[in-house]
Amino acid sequence: MKNFILSIALAGMVIIAGAGKTYAQKSQTRVGIKAGLSLTTLGAATANGVSINYDYRPGFQGGVFLEAPLSSSITFSPQVLFTQKGGNVNTTINGINIKGNTQLNYIDVPLLVGFKANPNLAFYVGPQASFLLSQKDVITSGPSTATNTSTTGTRKTNFGGNLGAGYKFNDNVSLNVNYIFDFSHAAEGNYDNGERNSGFLFTVGYLF
């Protein structure tokens, strides 16, 4: 199922690129790559009366995107990105210190609309679909450490929002800052208050 969903996402990019090629002479639709830092958290979670607050966790984001002008001031920017999310925990429960590092790897597909404030600065907003690739939990409780890489119980597909801004230094290079947030819990189970991915992305983009 995951491969099928990813195939649809990639096929969508190819279709958009094909349509863009027809429109290229007039609209100057361009393909780009971007990479940089993700800084995400799972927020707060409560299960069985125990509350945990996650700290921000650094990771990586990188992938491809299109920039298709819809008018002189509005652009459409679909993207396919590999994003590391998750969060860190350092807390004490019942007198026992617990440290945790949760890394969740996704393929993110944001569909962003950009509004140009001036030729160099643009603001972006749009929905985002996230498809889980893998995960890794490392939990230290007292003297023992446990590692879990199973995706059982983790939501395989999630939807959320993406807000951002981009500044172009020239016709090719841009600096981008985005804030992302999921609408649903990262876990499939029911929590009183469950973990949700959210955080900031700092990337450098290059348009060809």
C-alpha atoms as a PDB file:
ATOM      1  CA  MET A   1       0.000   0.000   0.000  1.00  0.00           C
ATOM      2  CA  LYS A   2       2.833   2.405   0.881  1.00  0.00           C
ATOM      3  CA  ASN A   3       4.573   1.795  -2.457  1.00  0.00           C
ATOM      4  CA  PHE A   4       1.279   2.327  -4.272  1.00  0.00           C
ATOM      5  CA  ILE A   5       0.718   5.681  -2.544  1.00  0.00           C
ATOM      6  CA  LEU A   6       4.275   6.803  -3.239  1.00  0.00           C
ATOM      7  CA  SER A   7       3.884   5.800  -6.891  1.00  0.00           C
ATOM      8  CA  ILE A   8       0.773   7.989  -7.137  1.00  0.00           C
ATOM      9  CA  ALA A   9       2.634  10.924  -5.585  1.00  0.00           C
ATOM     10  CA  LEU A  10       5.585  10.563  -7.960  1.00  0.00           C
ATOM     11  CA  ALA A  11       3.276  10.049 -10.932  1.00  0.00           C
ATOM     12  CA  GLY A  12       1.499  13.258  -9.994  1.00  0.00           C
ATOM     13  CA  MET A  13       4.798  15.105 -10.097  1.00  0.00           C
ATOM     14  CA  VAL A  14       5.540  13.672 -13.551  1.00  0.00           C
ATOM     15  CA  ILE A  15       2.099  14.706 -14.838  1.00  0.00           C
ATOM     16  CA  ILE A  16       2.491  18.206 -13.455  1.00  0.00           C
ATOM     17  CA  ALA A  17       5.973  18.411 -14.978  1.00  0.00           C
ATOM     18  CA  GLY A  18       4.591  17.295 -18.342  1.00  0.00           C
ATOM     19  CA  ALA A  19       1.836  19.862 -18.212  1.00  0.00           C
ATOM     20  CA  GLY A  20       4.360  22.462 -17.152  1.00  0.00           C
ATOM     21  CA  LYS A  21       6.581  21.676 -20.127  1.00  0.00           C
ATOM     22  CA  THR A  22       3.762  22.577 -22.514  1.00  0.00           C
ATOM     23  CA  TYR A  23       3.267  25.816 -20.657  1.00  0.00           C
ATOM     24  CA  ALA A  24       6.987  26.398 -20.078  1.00  0.00           C
ATOM     25  CA  GLN A  25       7.674  29.037 -22.741  1.00  0.00           C
ATOM     26  CA  LYS A  26       4.976  31.289 -21.339  1.00  0.00           C
ATOM     27  CA  SER A  27       5.031  30.475 -17.632  1.00  0.00           C
ATOM     28  CA  GLN A  28       8.681  29.478 -17.137  1.00  0.00           C
ATOM     29  CA  THR A  29       7.827  26.447 -15.013  1.00  0.00           C
ATOM     30  CA  ARG A  30      11.059  25.248 -13.388  1.00  0.00           C
ATOM     31  CA  VAL A  31      12.317  22.226 -11.468  1.00  0.00           C
ATOM     32  CA  GLY A  32      14.391  22.576  -8.326  1.00  0.00           C
ATOM     33  CA  ILE A  33      16.071  20.674  -5.539  1.00  0.00           C
ATOM     34  CA  LYS A  34      16.204  21.622  -1.859  1.00  0.00           C
ATOM     35  CA  ALA A  35      17.896  20.321   1.287  1.00  0.00           C
ATOM     36  CA  GLY A  36      18.440  21.388   4.845  1.00  0.00           C
ATOM     37  CA  LEU A  37      17.564  21.016   8.520  1.00  0.00           C
ATOM     38  CA  SER A  38      14.330  19.780  10.087  1.00  0.00           C
ATOM     39  CA  LEU A  39      13.654  20.687  13.718  1.00  0.00           C
ATOM     40  CA  THR A  40      10.576  18.820  14.895  1.00  0.00           C
ATOM     41  CA  THR A  41       8.736  17.645  17.974  1.00  0.00           C
ATOM     42  CA  LEU A  42       5.882  15.274  18.786  1.00  0.00           C
ATOM     43  CA  GLY A  43       4.437  17.768  21.242  1.00  0.00           C
ATOM     44  CA  ALA A  44       2.800  16.319  24.339  1.00  0.00           C
ATOM     45  CA  ALA A  45       1.275  12.897  24.926  1.00  0.00           C
ATOM     46  CA  THR A  46      -0.789  11.404  27.726  1.00  0.00           C
ATOM     47  CA  ALA A  47      -1.338   7.650  28.041  1.00  0.00           C
ATOM     48  CA  ASN A  48      -2.552   5.706  31.061  1.00  0.00           C
ATOM     49  CA  GLY A  49      -2.390   8.858  33.158  1.00  0.00           C
ATOM     50  CA  VAL A  50       1.281   9.522  32.339  1.00  0.00           C
ATOM     51  CA  SER A  51       2.168  12.762  30.510  1.00  0.00           C
ATOM     52  CA  ILE A  52       5.258  13.237  28.360  1.00  0.00           C
ATOM     53  CA  ASN A  53       6.491  16.414  26.693  1.00  0.00           C
ATOM     54  CA  TYR A  54       8.786  16.032  23.695  1.00  0.00           C
ATOM     55  CA  ASP A  55      11.730  18.333  23.010  1.00  0.00           C
ATOM     56  CA  TYR A  56      12.685  19.370  19.482  1.00  0.00           C
ATOM     57  CA  ARG A  57      14.805  16.907  17.529  1.00  0.00           C
ATOM     58  CA  PRO A  58      17.139  17.894  14.628  1.00  0.00           C
ATOM     59  CA  GLY A  59      16.979  15.955  11.376  1.00  0.00           C
ATOM     60  CA  PHE A  60      17.246  16.267   7.588  1.00  0.00           C
ATOM     61  CA  GLN A  61      14.938  17.261   4.763  1.00  0.00           C
ATOM     62  CA  GLY A  62      15.670  17.058   1.041  1.00  0.00           C
ATOM     63  CA  GLY A  63      13.913  16.501  -2.259  1.00  0.00           C
ATOM     64  CA  VAL A  64      12.567  18.053  -5.445  1.00  0.00           C
ATOM     65  CA  PHE A  65      10.002  20.722  -6.214  1.00  0.00           C
ATOM     66  CA  LEU A  66       8.380  22.602  -9.056  1.00  0.00           C
ATOM     67  CA  GLU A  67       7.781  26.312  -9.350  1.00  0.00           C
ATOM     68  CA  ALA A  68       4.920  27.034 -11.738  1.00  0.00           C
ATOM     69  CA  PRO A  69       3.806  30.692 -12.039  1.00  0.00           C
ATOM     70  CA  LEU A  70       0.032  31.079 -12.130  1.00  0.00           C
ATOM     71  CA  SER A  71       0.247  34.853 -12.492  1.00  0.00           C
ATOM     72  CA  SER A  72       2.806  37.604 -11.981  1.00  0.00           C
ATOM     73  CA  SER A  73       2.397  37.321  -8.192  1.00  0.00           C
ATOM     74  CA  ILE A  74       1.126  33.763  -7.525  1.00  0.00           C
ATOM     75  CA  THR A  75       2.980  30.458  -7.990  1.00  0.00           C
ATOM     76  CA  PHE A  76       2.098  26.792  -7.504  1.00  0.00           C
ATOM     77  CA  SER A  77       4.819  24.655  -5.907  1.00  0.00           C
ATOM     78  CA  PRO A  78       4.189  20.891  -5.540  1.00  0.00           C
ATOM     79  CA  GLN A  79       7.038  19.070  -3.804  1.00  0.00           C
ATOM     80  CA  VAL A  80       8.228  15.540  -2.965  1.00  0.00           C
ATOM     81  CA  LEU A  81      10.530  15.547   0.072  1.00  0.00           C
ATOM     82  CA  PHE A  82      12.212  13.081   2.412  1.00  0.00           C
ATOM     83  CA  THR A  83      11.761  14.426   5.941  1.00  0.00           C
ATOM     84  CA  GLN A  84      13.054  13.195   9.287  1.00  0.00           C
ATOM     85  CA  LYS A  85      10.649  14.011  12.115  1.00  0.00           C
ATOM     86  CA  GLY A  86      10.086  12.883  15.692  1.00  0.00           C
ATOM     87  CA  GLY A  87      11.194  14.209  19.052  1.00  0.00           C
ATOM     88  CA  ASN A  88      13.372  13.704  22.132  1.00  0.00           C
ATOM     89  CA  VAL A  89      12.289  12.969  25.700  1.00  0.00           C
ATOM     90  CA  ASN A  90      14.166  13.489  28.955  1.00  0.00           C
ATOM     91  CA  THR A  91      11.844  13.061  31.936  1.00  0.00           C
ATOM     92  CA  THR A  92      11.400  11.258  35.239  1.00  0.00           C
ATOM     93  CA  ILE A  93       8.483   8.908  35.833  1.00  0.00           C
ATOM     94  CA  ASN A  94       7.993   7.238  39.224  1.00  0.00           C
ATOM     95  CA  GLY A  95      11.536   8.205  40.194  1.00  0.00           C
ATOM     96  CA  ILE A  96      13.108   6.661  37.082  1.00  0.00           C
ATOM     97  CA  ASN A  97      14.887   8.863  34.538  1.00  0.00           C
ATOM     98  CA  ILE A  98      13.723   8.104  30.998  1.00  0.00           C
ATOM     99  CA  LYS A  99      15.465   9.363  27.866  1.00  0.00           C
ATOM    100  CA  GLY A 100      13.987   8.736  24.440  1.00  0.00           C
ATOM    101  CA  ASN A 101      14.860   9.535  20.836  1.00  0.00           C
ATOM    102  CA  THR A 102      12.119   8.948  18.275  1.00  0.00           C
ATOM    103  CA  GLN A 103      12.974   9.316  14.578  1.00  0.00           C
ATOM    104  CA  LEU A 104      10.148   9.059  12.044  1.00  0.00           C
ATOM    105  CA  ASN A 105      11.085   9.092   8.350  1.00  0.00           C
ATOM    106  CA  TYR A 106       8.453  10.280   5.883  1.00  0.00           C
ATOM    107  CA  ILE A 107       7.928  11.167   2.273  1.00  0.00           C
ATOM    108  CA  ASP A 108       6.164  14.524   2.444  1.00  0.00           C
ATOM    109  CA  VAL A 109       4.114  15.839  -0.482  1.00  0.00           C
ATOM    110  CA  PRO A 110       3.193  19.498   0.135  1.00  0.00           C
ATOM    111  CA  LEU A 111       1.093  21.322  -2.451  1.00  0.00           C
ATOM    112  CA  LEU A 112       1.903  24.954  -1.836  1.00  0.00           C
ATOM    113  CA  VAL A 113       0.606  28.190  -3.285  1.00  0.00           C
ATOM    114  CA  GLY A 114       3.070  31.063  -3.148  1.00  0.00           C
ATOM    115  CA  PHE A 115       2.246  34.774  -2.947  1.00  0.00           C
ATOM    116  CA  LYS A 116       5.031  37.156  -3.939  1.00  0.00           C
ATOM    117  CA  ALA A 117       5.494  40.160  -1.666  1.00  0.00           C
ATOM    118  CA  ASN A 118       8.212  41.409  -4.027  1.00  0.00           C
ATOM    119  CA  PRO A 119      10.472  39.801  -6.673  1.00  0.00           C
ATOM    120  CA  ASN A 120      12.653  38.210  -3.975  1.00  0.00           C
ATOM    121  CA  LEU A 121      10.261  37.388  -1.106  1.00  0.00           C
ATOM    122  CA  ALA A 122       7.294  35.007  -1.232  1.00  0.00           C
ATOM    123  CA  PHE A 123       4.958  33.458   1.338  1.00  0.00           C
ATOM    124  CA  TYR A 124       3.599  29.918   0.960  1.00  0.00           C
ATOM    125  CA  VAL A 125       0.614  27.995   2.304  1.00  0.00           C
ATOM    126  CA  GLY A 126      -0.983  24.680   1.471  1.00  0.00           C
ATOM    127  CA  PRO A 127      -1.896  21.130   2.522  1.00  0.00           C
ATOM    128  CA  GLN A 128       0.595  18.326   2.989  1.00  0.00           C
ATOM    129  CA  ALA A 129       0.372  14.539   2.852  1.00  0.00           C
ATOM    130  CA  SER A 130       2.967  12.453   4.718  1.00  0.00           C
ATOM    131  CA  PHE A 131       3.744   8.774   4.063  1.00  0.00           C
ATOM    132  CA  LEU A 132       5.685   6.838   6.690  1.00  0.00           C
ATOM    133  CA  LEU A 133       8.827   5.055   5.477  1.00  0.00           C
ATOM    134  CA  SER A 134      10.423   3.866   8.721  1.00  0.00           C
ATOM    135  CA  GLN A 135      10.934   4.712  12.364  1.00  0.00           C
ATOM    136  CA  LYS A 136      13.416   4.150  15.160  1.00  0.00           C
ATOM    137  CA  ASP A 137      12.831   4.521  18.897  1.00  0.00           C
ATOM    138  CA  VAL A 138      15.747   4.421  21.336  1.00  0.00           C
ATOM    139  CA  ILE A 139      14.589   4.500  24.966  1.00  0.00           C
ATOM    140  CA  THR A 140      16.850   4.491  28.016  1.00  0.00           C
ATOM    141  CA  SER A 141      15.100   3.696  31.292  1.00  0.00           C
ATOM    142  CA  GLY A 142      17.463   3.552  34.250  1.00  0.00           C
ATOM    143  CA  PRO A 143      20.399   1.281  33.327  1.00  0.00           C
ATOM    144  CA  SER A 144      18.678  -0.395  30.342  1.00  0.00           C
ATOM    145  CA  THR A 145      18.330   0.729  26.718  1.00  0.00           C
ATOM    146  CA  ALA A 146      15.779  -0.620  24.220  1.00  0.00           C
ATOM    147  CA  THR A 147      15.593  -0.031  20.454  1.00  0.00           C
ATOM    148  CA  ASN A 148      12.467  -0.503  18.372  1.00  0.00           C
ATOM    149  CA  THR A 149      12.214  -0.168  14.573  1.00  0.00           C
ATOM    150  CA  SER A 150       8.763  -1.664  14.048  1.00  0.00           C
ATOM    151  CA  THR A 151       6.168   0.583  12.406  1.00  0.00           C
ATOM    152  CA  THR A 152       3.300  -1.414  13.910  1.00  0.00           C
ATOM    153  CA  GLY A 153       0.956   0.974  15.656  1.00  0.00           C
ATOM    154  CA  THR A 154       2.276   4.036  13.811  1.00  0.00           C
ATOM    155  CA  ARG A 155      -0.023   5.810  11.370  1.00  0.00           C
ATOM    156  CA  LYS A 156       1.217   5.144   7.836  1.00  0.00           C
ATOM    157  CA  THR A 157      -0.433   8.171   6.199  1.00  0.00           C
ATOM    158  CA  ASN A 158      -1.055  11.557   7.718  1.00  0.00           C
ATOM    159  CA  PHE A 159      -2.316  14.913   6.515  1.00  0.00           C
ATOM    160  CA  GLY A 160      -1.445  18.371   7.716  1.00  0.00           C
ATOM    161  CA  GLY A 161      -0.565  21.916   6.792  1.00  0.00           C
ATOM    162  CA  ASN A 162       2.528  23.741   5.599  1.00  0.00           C
ATOM    163  CA  LEU A 163       3.262  27.462   6.024  1.00  0.00           C
ATOM    164  CA  GLY A 164       6.435  29.122   4.880  1.00  0.00           C
ATOM    165  CA  ALA A 165       8.444  31.907   3.365  1.00  0.00           C
ATOM    166  CA  GLY A 166      11.164  31.918   0.735  1.00  0.00           C
ATOM    167  CA  TYR A 167      13.782  34.511  -0.118  1.00  0.00           C
ATOM    168  CA  LYS A 168      15.556  34.416  -3.499  1.00  0.00           C
ATOM    169  CA  PHE A 169      19.136  35.620  -3.492  1.00  0.00           C
ATOM    170  CA  ASN A 170      19.222  35.357  -7.271  1.00  0.00           C
ATOM    171  CA  ASP A 171      17.385  33.576 -10.077  1.00  0.00           C
ATOM    172  CA  ASN A 172      18.548  30.158  -8.845  1.00  0.00           C
ATOM    173  CA  VAL A 173      19.253  30.113  -5.093  1.00  0.00           C
ATOM    174  CA  SER A 174      16.700  30.599  -2.319  1.00  0.00           C
ATOM    175  CA  LEU A 175      16.495  30.252   1.451  1.00  0.00           C
ATOM    176  CA  ASN A 176      13.268  28.738   2.771  1.00  0.00           C
ATOM    177  CA  VAL A 177      11.697  28.549   6.225  1.00  0.00           C
ATOM    178  CA  ASN A 178       8.578  26.432   6.756  1.00  0.00           C
ATOM    179  CA  TYR A 179       6.382  25.412   9.661  1.00  0.00           C
ATOM    180  CA  ILE A 180       4.617  22.032   9.319  1.00  0.00           C
ATOM    181  CA  PHE A 181       1.952  20.377  11.467  1.00  0.00           C
ATOM    182  CA  ASP A 182      -0.064  17.155  11.270  1.00  0.00           C
ATOM    183  CA  PHE A 183      -3.809  17.023  11.798  1.00  0.00           C
ATOM    184  CA  SER A 184      -3.755  13.493  13.300  1.00  0.00           C
ATOM    185  CA  HIS A 185      -1.711  11.632  15.910  1.00  0.00           C
ATOM    186  CA  ALA A 186       1.467   9.918  14.772  1.00  0.00           C
ATOM    187  CA  ALA A 187       0.287   6.740  16.506  1.00  0.00           C
ATOM    188  CA  GLU A 188      -2.776   4.762  15.440  1.00  0.00           C
ATOM    189  CA  GLY A 189      -3.817   4.058  19.037  1.00  0.00           C
ATOM    190  CA  ASN A 190      -6.178   6.233  21.034  1.00  0.00           C
ATOM    191  CA  TYR A 191      -4.547   8.561  23.541  1.00  0.00           C
ATOM    192  CA  ASP A 192      -6.029  11.092  25.907  1.00  0.00           C
ATOM    193  CA  ASN A 193      -3.628  13.378  24.103  1.00  0.00           C
ATOM    194  CA  GLY A 194      -1.473  11.852  21.378  1.00  0.00           C
ATOM    195  CA  GLU A 195       1.766  12.786  19.677  1.00  0.00           C
ATOM    196  CA  ARG A 196       1.488  14.981  16.599  1.00  0.00           C
ATOM    197  CA  ASN A 197       4.390  15.884  14.334  1.00  0.00           C
ATOM    198  CA  SER A 198       5.112  19.574  14.021  1.00  0.00           C
ATOM    199  CA  GLY A 199       8.157  21.741  13.592  1.00  0.00           C
ATOM    200  CA  PHE A 200      10.341  23.976  11.484  1.00  0.00           C
ATOM    201  CA  LEU A 201      12.254  23.374   8.254  1.00  0.00           C
ATOM    202  CA  PHE A 202      15.248  25.422   7.131  1.00  0.00           C
ATOM    203  CA  THR A 203      16.291  24.600   3.566  1.00  0.00           C
ATOM    204  CA  VAL A 204      18.315  25.971   0.678  1.00  0.00           C
ATOM    205  CA  GLY A 205      16.717  25.567  -2.743  1.00  0.00           C
ATOM    206  CA  TYR A 206      18.240  25.589  -6.220  1.00  0.00           C
ATOM    207  CA  LEU A 207      16.133  26.127  -9.350  1.00  0.00           C
ATOM    208  CA  PHE A 208      17.393  24.829 -12.686  1.00  0.00           C
END
